[in-house]
Amino acid sequence: MSAPIAVLLDSTRIRAFVQDANGPTLEIPWDPALPEAAVAKLRDTFGTSSSSVLVVGLGFLEIARPELPPLASNARRDVLMRDADRYFPIDGDIAVAWTNGVAFAMASETLDALVRAFDVLAPVRAVTTIAHACLMAGCDGSVVVDAGQHEHGQLTIAGNLLLEARRVPGSVQTTQAARATDTPNVVRASLALIHAPGDQLLLDVHLSDRFAALRHKRWLRSGAVLVASFVLFAWSADNWRERELATLQQRIAILRVSAVPALIAQQRLWRAATERGMLGAADSVTRVGAGPATVLAQLSAVLPMDAFIQRLEWDGNVWRIDGSANDAARIVPLLDADLHFQDVRFVAASTRFVDGGRQRESFSIAFRTRSPAGTSSSEGVHGAP
């Protein structure tokens, strides 16, 4: 399918161009009442095209300067169509185009027939006038265009505004004051109107509805494409996130394996530091006279001969002894009376039992030691005799 085609329709000939200046062009005579033969030649030259724009020459158009109040473009077109007989010598419905106070009109029946004929070549996406095409091409000054047999049209353009449009008797004559239009560039410029709003087009009621429906479909299609783009973007972002997560997890696994020797060495360092602290604390406790051996010796001096210590514990602050004696209750007062011990108390209930035919009692006693200066000692590590 080839590029869009722009077709200039004069009363006696057709000129067709594609957007590319190096593409094919065609100029042929034609009979507007029998457009099928011209359309067949266009198809032979250009093949099947995606779309087409029709540029209607002054030979088909009536020109007027209607006095209208300030209105929106659609409302202005509705007024001109409703009161067509006031402004144009055309019977029946009309198609209208407007620019800067100048109105162009042609019979709606004629325009509809031309559009149907050229739809066979390529779907017609816009219909405009030669004057609007000249404005699109940026023409300036007094421009001469074809206007049918024995006439030519003269357009006066300044500042991208159409100041005047009229038909003049006689064939096209190029003078210093008026120059012939650069037809290829002007007609190609009209291709920009394929997606243009309706105020730059030559429209009747039927074509207005048709092009409005096409614009609506384009909006829906664009919206669908936009939504699909967002969905695709979200899907791509999610896939990217999953790929990145998988890559990071793989790197973490590799780093964990490579970090095993370092982690083992770190754990050994922590254990060594802990052991060093414990040894230092034990040395400190020994220096202040609260080492396990010292405490055990002092206990041996205080406890009665019938008492046996089966377990000696220290949590760094409180000592605990577990054992048995003939009378466990008297042990607490004995320890509490000694200057080396303080905060003496039972931590578990005493039980009685028979050992070798004699009744004995278990004890579980906690206490703290005093430093030689008389203050409580809380430094040290867990020790046992």
Protein backbone atom coordinates (compact mmCIF):
# COMPACT_ATOMS: atom_id res chain seq x y z
CA MET A 1 0.00 0.00 0.00
CA SER A 2 1.50 3.31 -1.15
CA ALA A 3 1.65 6.70 0.58
CA PRO A 4 -1.35 9.06 0.75
CA ILE A 5 -2.32 10.85 -2.48
CA ALA A 6 -3.35 14.49 -2.86
CA VAL A 7 -5.61 15.17 -5.85
CA LEU A 8 -6.34 18.66 -7.23
CA LEU A 9 -9.74 18.77 -8.95
CA ASP A 10 -10.10 21.51 -11.54
CA SER A 11 -13.05 21.74 -13.89
CA THR A 12 -11.08 20.36 -16.87
CA ARG A 13 -8.11 18.44 -15.47
CA ILE A 14 -6.85 16.42 -12.52
CA ARG A 15 -3.39 16.70 -10.98
CA ALA A 16 -2.31 14.10 -8.42
CA PHE A 17 0.81 13.96 -6.24
CA VAL A 18 2.23 11.85 -3.44
CA GLN A 19 3.97 13.36 -0.43
CA ASP A 20 7.46 12.49 -1.64
CA ALA A 21 8.62 15.07 -4.19
CA ASN A 22 10.43 12.27 -6.05
CA GLY A 23 7.31 10.12 -6.19
CA PRO A 24 4.98 9.68 -9.16
CA THR A 25 2.77 12.53 -10.38
CA LEU A 26 -0.05 12.59 -12.87
CA GLU A 27 -1.91 15.29 -14.82
CA ILE A 28 -4.83 14.22 -17.02
CA PRO A 29 -7.96 15.81 -18.49
CA TRP A 30 -11.26 14.56 -17.12
CA ASP A 31 -15.01 14.95 -17.18
CA PRO A 32 -16.35 15.64 -13.67
CA ALA A 33 -19.63 13.99 -14.67
CA LEU A 34 -17.77 10.74 -15.44
CA PRO A 35 -14.89 10.51 -12.91
CA GLU A 36 -14.49 6.73 -13.14
CA ALA A 37 -12.12 6.83 -16.13
CA ALA A 38 -9.83 9.33 -14.37
CA VAL A 39 -9.88 7.27 -11.20
CA ALA A 40 -8.85 4.16 -13.16
CA LYS A 41 -5.82 6.02 -14.62
CA LEU A 42 -4.89 7.18 -11.13
CA ARG A 43 -5.02 3.61 -9.85
CA ASP A 44 -2.80 2.47 -12.71
CA THR A 45 -0.25 5.14 -11.81
CA PHE A 46 -0.31 5.10 -8.00
CA GLY A 47 -1.67 1.67 -7.18
CA THR A 48 -3.58 1.14 -3.95
CA SER A 49 -3.06 3.99 -1.53
CA SER A 50 -3.70 4.23 2.20
CA SER A 51 -5.71 7.47 1.95
CA SER A 52 -6.35 10.51 -0.19
CA VAL A 53 -7.04 14.24 0.12
CA LEU A 54 -9.20 16.07 -2.43
CA VAL A 55 -8.34 19.71 -3.19
CA VAL A 56 -11.29 21.37 -4.95
CA GLY A 57 -10.39 24.11 -7.43
CA LEU A 58 -12.23 27.40 -7.91
CA GLY A 59 -13.96 25.98 -10.99
CA PHE A 60 -16.31 24.07 -8.66
CA LEU A 61 -16.67 26.75 -5.97
CA GLU A 62 -18.86 29.75 -5.36
CA ILE A 63 -17.25 32.59 -3.40
CA ALA A 64 -18.99 34.93 -0.94
CA ARG A 65 -18.27 37.29 1.94
CA PRO A 66 -21.26 36.71 4.23
CA GLU A 67 -21.81 39.07 7.14
CA LEU A 68 -22.00 36.81 10.15
CA PRO A 69 -21.74 37.46 13.89
CA PRO A 70 -18.78 36.00 15.79
CA LEU A 71 -19.48 32.28 15.95
CA ALA A 72 -17.61 29.06 16.46
CA SER A 73 -16.55 27.31 13.28
CA ASN A 74 -19.21 24.59 13.56
CA ALA A 75 -21.96 27.11 14.29
CA ARG A 76 -20.84 29.30 11.38
CA ARG A 77 -20.96 26.34 9.01
CA ASP A 78 -24.44 25.44 10.27
CA VAL A 79 -25.67 28.99 9.57
CA LEU A 80 -24.23 28.99 6.04
CA MET A 81 -25.76 25.59 5.27
CA ARG A 82 -29.16 26.56 6.66
CA ASP A 83 -29.29 29.90 4.82
CA ALA A 84 -27.35 28.84 1.73
CA ASP A 85 -29.71 30.55 -0.70
CA ARG A 86 -28.94 33.92 0.93
CA TYR A 87 -25.23 33.71 0.18
CA PHE A 88 -24.67 31.35 -2.76
CA PRO A 89 -26.42 30.79 -6.11
CA ILE A 90 -26.77 27.03 -5.45
CA ASP A 91 -29.96 25.03 -5.27
CA GLY A 92 -30.22 22.37 -2.60
CA ASP A 93 -27.76 21.40 0.11
CA ILE A 94 -24.23 22.78 0.02
CA ALA A 95 -20.77 22.00 1.34
CA VAL A 96 -18.99 24.96 2.91
CA ALA A 97 -15.46 26.03 3.82
CA TRP A 98 -14.56 29.30 5.57
CA THR A 99 -11.44 31.32 6.26
CA ASN A 100 -11.00 34.92 7.42
CA GLY A 101 -14.46 36.07 6.33
CA VAL A 102 -14.31 34.41 2.88
CA ALA A 103 -16.70 31.48 2.31
CA PHE A 104 -16.47 28.83 -0.41
CA ALA A 105 -19.40 26.57 -1.31
CA MET A 106 -20.34 23.88 -3.80
CA ALA A 107 -23.34 21.65 -4.30
CA SER A 108 -23.39 18.87 -1.72
CA GLU A 109 -24.63 16.41 -4.38
CA THR A 110 -21.60 17.11 -6.59
CA LEU A 111 -19.12 16.79 -3.72
CA ASP A 112 -20.64 13.54 -2.47
CA ALA A 113 -20.42 12.03 -5.97
CA LEU A 114 -16.75 13.00 -6.26
CA VAL A 115 -15.93 11.59 -2.81
CA ARG A 116 -17.63 8.28 -3.64
CA ALA A 117 -15.72 8.07 -6.92
CA PHE A 118 -12.31 8.74 -5.35
CA ASP A 119 -12.99 6.43 -2.42
CA VAL A 120 -12.38 3.66 -4.96
CA LEU A 121 -8.83 4.97 -5.46
CA ALA A 122 -8.13 5.47 -1.73
CA PRO A 123 -10.32 6.32 1.27
CA VAL A 124 -10.91 10.08 1.25
CA ARG A 125 -9.75 11.46 4.59
CA ALA A 126 -10.10 15.21 3.89
CA VAL A 127 -11.62 17.60 1.36
CA THR A 128 -10.43 21.21 1.15
CA THR A 129 -10.26 24.12 -1.26
CA ILE A 130 -7.36 25.42 -3.31
CA ALA A 131 -7.39 28.55 -1.14
CA HIS A 132 -6.92 26.56 2.07
CA ALA A 133 -4.19 24.50 0.40
CA CYS A 134 -2.34 27.71 -0.53
CA LEU A 135 -2.55 28.82 3.09
CA MET A 136 -1.19 25.45 4.23
CA ALA A 137 1.71 25.81 1.76
CA GLY A 138 2.57 29.27 3.09
CA CYS A 139 1.82 31.19 -0.11
CA ASP A 140 1.98 34.97 0.13
CA GLY A 141 0.97 37.87 -2.08
CA SER A 142 -1.29 37.67 -5.12
CA VAL A 143 -1.50 34.08 -6.35
CA VAL A 144 -3.12 32.93 -9.62
CA VAL A 145 -4.90 29.55 -9.82
CA ASP A 146 -7.09 27.75 -12.37
CA ALA A 147 -10.81 28.47 -12.21
CA GLY A 148 -12.32 26.67 -15.16
CA GLN A 149 -12.67 27.42 -18.85
CA HIS A 150 -12.07 31.03 -19.86
CA GLU A 151 -11.44 32.06 -16.23
CA HIS A 152 -8.71 32.11 -13.66
CA GLY A 153 -8.76 32.68 -9.93
CA GLN A 154 -6.82 35.27 -8.02
CA LEU A 155 -6.07 34.85 -4.30
CA THR A 156 -4.61 37.61 -2.19
CA ILE A 157 -2.77 36.28 0.87
CA ALA A 158 -0.85 38.21 3.50
CA GLY A 159 0.39 37.07 6.90
CA ASN A 160 -1.07 33.59 6.31
CA LEU A 161 -4.53 35.13 5.96
CA LEU A 162 -6.72 35.04 2.86
CA LEU A 163 -7.71 38.64 2.15
CA GLU A 164 -9.48 38.15 -1.15
CA ALA A 165 -10.59 35.40 -3.53
CA ARG A 166 -12.20 36.09 -6.89
CA ARG A 167 -12.58 34.72 -10.38
CA VAL A 168 -11.29 36.79 -13.28
CA PRO A 169 -12.21 36.32 -16.97
CA GLY A 170 -9.43 35.00 -19.18
CA SER A 171 -6.82 32.26 -18.90
CA VAL A 172 -4.09 32.22 -16.30
CA GLN A 173 -1.62 35.00 -16.89
CA THR A 174 1.49 35.37 -14.77
CA THR A 175 2.53 38.96 -14.16
CA GLN A 176 4.76 40.76 -11.71
CA ALA A 177 1.74 41.50 -9.53
CA ALA A 178 0.29 37.99 -9.68
CA ARG A 179 2.18 34.74 -10.01
CA ALA A 180 0.98 31.23 -10.75
CA THR A 181 0.90 28.95 -7.74
CA ASP A 182 3.49 26.23 -7.21
CA THR A 183 0.90 23.52 -7.70
CA PRO A 184 2.93 20.45 -6.58
CA ASN A 185 3.94 22.03 -3.26
CA VAL A 186 0.49 23.48 -2.65
CA VAL A 187 -1.29 20.20 -3.27
CA ARG A 188 1.23 18.19 -1.21
CA ALA A 189 0.74 20.63 1.68
CA SER A 190 -2.92 19.64 1.81
CA LEU A 191 -1.90 16.14 2.98
CA ALA A 192 -1.36 17.65 6.42
CA LEU A 193 -5.16 18.04 6.63
CA ILE A 194 -5.74 14.28 6.89
CA HIS A 195 -5.97 14.65 10.68
CA ALA A 196 -6.97 18.34 10.74
CA PRO A 197 -10.04 19.74 12.50
CA GLY A 198 -13.15 20.41 10.43
CA ASP A 199 -12.77 24.21 10.28
CA GLN A 200 -10.16 23.84 7.52
CA LEU A 201 -12.18 21.41 5.40
CA LEU A 202 -14.89 21.70 2.77
CA LEU A 203 -17.77 19.83 4.37
CA ASP A 204 -21.46 19.16 4.08
CA VAL A 205 -23.56 17.40 6.70
CA HIS A 206 -22.68 13.93 5.46
CA LEU A 207 -18.92 14.52 5.26
CA SER A 208 -18.91 16.33 8.59
CA ASP A 209 -20.41 13.27 10.28
CA ARG A 210 -18.08 10.96 8.38
CA PHE A 211 -14.88 12.77 9.33
CA ALA A 212 -16.08 13.25 12.92
CA ALA A 213 -16.58 9.48 13.16
CA LEU A 214 -13.10 8.91 11.74
CA ARG A 215 -11.58 11.30 14.28
CA HIS A 216 -13.48 9.52 17.04
CA LYS A 217 -12.14 6.16 15.86
CA ARG A 218 -8.61 7.59 15.77
CA TRP A 219 -9.04 8.83 19.34
CA LEU A 220 -10.28 5.42 20.43
CA ARG A 221 -7.45 3.71 18.60
CA SER A 222 -4.93 6.09 20.12
CA GLY A 223 -6.44 5.50 23.56
CA ALA A 224 -6.24 1.74 23.05
CA VAL A 225 -2.64 2.03 21.94
CA LEU A 226 -1.88 4.21 24.96
CA VAL A 227 -3.49 1.71 27.35
CA ALA A 228 -1.66 -1.16 25.65
CA SER A 229 1.58 0.79 25.95
CA PHE A 230 1.02 1.27 29.67
CA VAL A 231 0.21 -2.42 30.11
CA LEU A 232 3.29 -3.40 28.12
CA PHE A 233 5.39 -0.96 30.13
CA ALA A 234 4.09 -2.39 33.42
CA TRP A 235 4.68 -5.93 32.18
CA SER A 236 8.20 -5.05 31.03
CA ALA A 237 8.93 -3.31 34.32
CA ASP A 238 7.70 -6.35 36.25
CA ASN A 239 9.80 -8.69 34.12
CA TRP A 240 12.79 -6.39 34.58
CA ARG A 241 12.24 -6.39 38.34
CA GLU A 242 12.05 -10.20 38.39
CA ARG A 243 15.22 -10.49 36.31
CA GLU A 244 17.03 -8.02 38.56
CA LEU A 245 15.80 -9.88 41.66
CA ALA A 246 16.98 -13.21 40.25
CA THR A 247 20.37 -11.67 39.39
CA LEU A 248 20.74 -10.16 42.86
CA GLN A 249 19.76 -13.42 44.54
CA GLN A 250 22.34 -15.27 42.46
CA ARG A 251 25.00 -12.73 43.43
CA ILE A 252 24.01 -13.04 47.10
CA ALA A 253 24.39 -16.81 46.92
CA ILE A 254 27.83 -16.46 45.34
CA LEU A 255 28.90 -13.88 47.93
CA ARG A 256 27.67 -16.07 50.77
CA VAL A 257 29.81 -18.97 49.56
CA SER A 258 32.86 -16.75 49.11
CA ALA A 259 32.29 -15.12 52.52
CA VAL A 260 32.24 -18.40 54.50
CA PRO A 261 36.02 -18.32 55.36
CA ALA A 262 35.75 -14.70 56.46
CA LEU A 263 32.67 -15.43 58.61
CA ILE A 264 34.41 -18.39 60.28
CA ALA A 265 37.44 -16.22 60.99
CA GLN A 266 35.18 -13.49 62.42
CA GLN A 267 33.45 -15.98 64.72
CA ARG A 268 36.84 -17.22 65.94
CA LEU A 269 37.85 -13.62 66.60
CA TRP A 270 34.66 -12.99 68.58
CA ARG A 271 35.24 -16.16 70.66
CA ALA A 272 38.83 -15.16 71.31
CA ALA A 273 37.76 -11.67 72.39
CA THR A 274 35.09 -13.17 74.69
CA GLU A 275 37.56 -15.60 76.23
CA ARG A 276 40.09 -12.82 76.72
CA GLY A 277 37.46 -10.73 78.49
CA MET A 278 36.52 -13.68 80.70
CA LEU A 279 40.15 -14.35 81.59
CA GLY A 280 40.70 -10.69 82.36
CA ALA A 281 37.62 -10.62 84.56
CA ALA A 282 38.74 -13.79 86.34
CA ASP A 283 42.13 -12.23 87.00
CA SER A 284 40.42 -9.13 88.39
CA VAL A 285 38.23 -11.22 90.68
CA THR A 286 41.24 -13.16 91.90
CA ARG A 287 43.13 -9.94 92.63
CA VAL A 288 40.32 -8.61 94.85
CA GLY A 289 40.10 -11.88 96.77
CA ALA A 290 36.87 -13.22 95.30
CA GLY A 291 38.16 -15.99 93.12
CA PRO A 292 36.62 -19.49 93.21
CA ALA A 293 39.44 -20.91 95.27
CA THR A 294 39.25 -18.08 97.80
CA VAL A 295 35.47 -18.35 98.12
CA LEU A 296 35.65 -22.13 98.49
CA ALA A 297 38.30 -21.83 101.15
CA GLN A 298 36.25 -19.31 103.08
CA LEU A 299 33.16 -21.51 102.80
CA SER A 300 35.13 -24.44 104.18
CA ALA A 301 36.09 -22.32 107.17
CA VAL A 302 32.53 -21.22 107.88
CA LEU A 303 30.38 -24.22 107.07
CA PRO A 304 29.86 -26.93 109.72
CA MET A 305 31.75 -30.23 109.41
CA ASP A 306 28.59 -32.13 108.45
CA ALA A 307 27.93 -29.88 105.42
CA PHE A 308 28.88 -31.02 101.92
CA ILE A 309 29.01 -28.73 98.85
CA GLN A 310 28.06 -30.62 95.71
CA ARG A 311 27.89 -27.63 93.36
CA LEU A 312 29.37 -24.13 93.31
CA GLU A 313 28.23 -21.59 90.66
CA TRP A 314 28.88 -17.92 89.97
CA ASP A 315 27.17 -15.75 87.32
CA GLY A 316 29.62 -12.85 87.70
CA ASN A 317 27.69 -11.24 90.52
CA VAL A 318 25.97 -13.87 92.70
CA TRP A 319 27.37 -17.11 94.03
CA ARG A 320 25.25 -20.20 94.55
CA ILE A 321 26.05 -23.36 96.44
CA ASP A 322 24.07 -26.60 96.40
CA GLY A 323 24.66 -29.38 98.90
CA SER A 324 23.40 -31.08 102.05
CA ALA A 325 23.85 -30.89 105.83
CA ASN A 326 22.36 -32.28 109.02
CA ASP A 327 20.70 -28.89 109.67
CA ALA A 328 20.42 -26.76 106.51
CA ALA A 329 18.64 -23.88 108.25
CA ARG A 330 21.68 -22.92 110.33
CA ILE A 331 23.91 -22.43 107.29
CA VAL A 332 22.35 -19.08 106.23
CA PRO A 333 22.99 -17.38 109.60
CA LEU A 334 26.56 -18.71 109.61
CA LEU A 335 27.31 -17.29 106.18
CA ASP A 336 25.51 -14.02 106.85
CA ALA A 337 27.58 -13.51 110.01
CA ASP A 338 30.84 -13.82 108.11
CA LEU A 339 32.37 -10.54 106.82
CA HIS A 340 33.22 -12.15 103.46
CA PHE A 341 29.59 -12.79 102.48
CA GLN A 342 26.47 -10.67 102.06
CA ASP A 343 22.89 -10.96 100.80
CA VAL A 344 22.75 -14.59 101.89
CA ARG A 345 19.42 -16.27 101.16
CA PHE A 346 17.79 -19.59 100.26
CA VAL A 347 16.92 -19.87 96.57
CA ALA A 348 15.19 -23.25 96.72
CA ALA A 349 13.22 -25.16 99.30
CA SER A 350 15.11 -27.59 101.49
CA THR A 351 14.23 -31.27 101.35
CA ARG A 352 14.95 -34.00 103.90
CA PHE A 353 16.32 -37.41 103.06
CA VAL A 354 18.04 -40.33 104.77
CA ASP A 355 21.70 -40.97 103.98
CA GLY A 356 23.51 -43.91 105.66
CA GLY A 357 20.86 -44.21 108.30
CA ARG A 358 21.04 -40.51 109.18
CA GLN A 359 18.55 -37.79 108.30
CA ARG A 360 19.98 -34.96 106.21
CA GLU A 361 18.62 -31.80 104.52
CA SER A 362 19.44 -30.33 101.11
CA PHE A 363 20.17 -26.65 100.66
CA SER A 364 20.48 -24.20 97.76
CA ILE A 365 21.89 -20.87 98.92
CA ALA A 366 22.83 -17.70 97.02
CA PHE A 367 25.12 -14.91 98.22
CA ARG A 368 27.52 -12.24 97.13
CA THR A 369 31.11 -11.73 98.31
CA ARG A 370 32.62 -8.63 99.81
CA SER A 371 35.92 -7.12 98.65
CA PRO A 372 38.70 -6.87 101.21
CA ALA A 373 37.88 -3.14 101.54
CA GLY A 374 34.33 -4.02 102.50
CA THR A 375 32.54 -3.11 99.22
CA SER A 376 30.54 -5.59 97.16
CA SER A 377 32.38 -7.19 94.23
CA SER A 378 30.47 -7.66 90.98
CA GLU A 379 33.35 -8.24 88.56
CA GLY A 380 34.29 -11.63 87.24
CA VAL A 381 33.18 -14.56 85.08
CA HIS A 382 31.47 -17.87 85.68
CA GLY A 383 33.77 -20.19 87.55
CA ALA A 384 33.72 -23.51 89.31
CA PRO A 385 36.23 -25.30 91.51
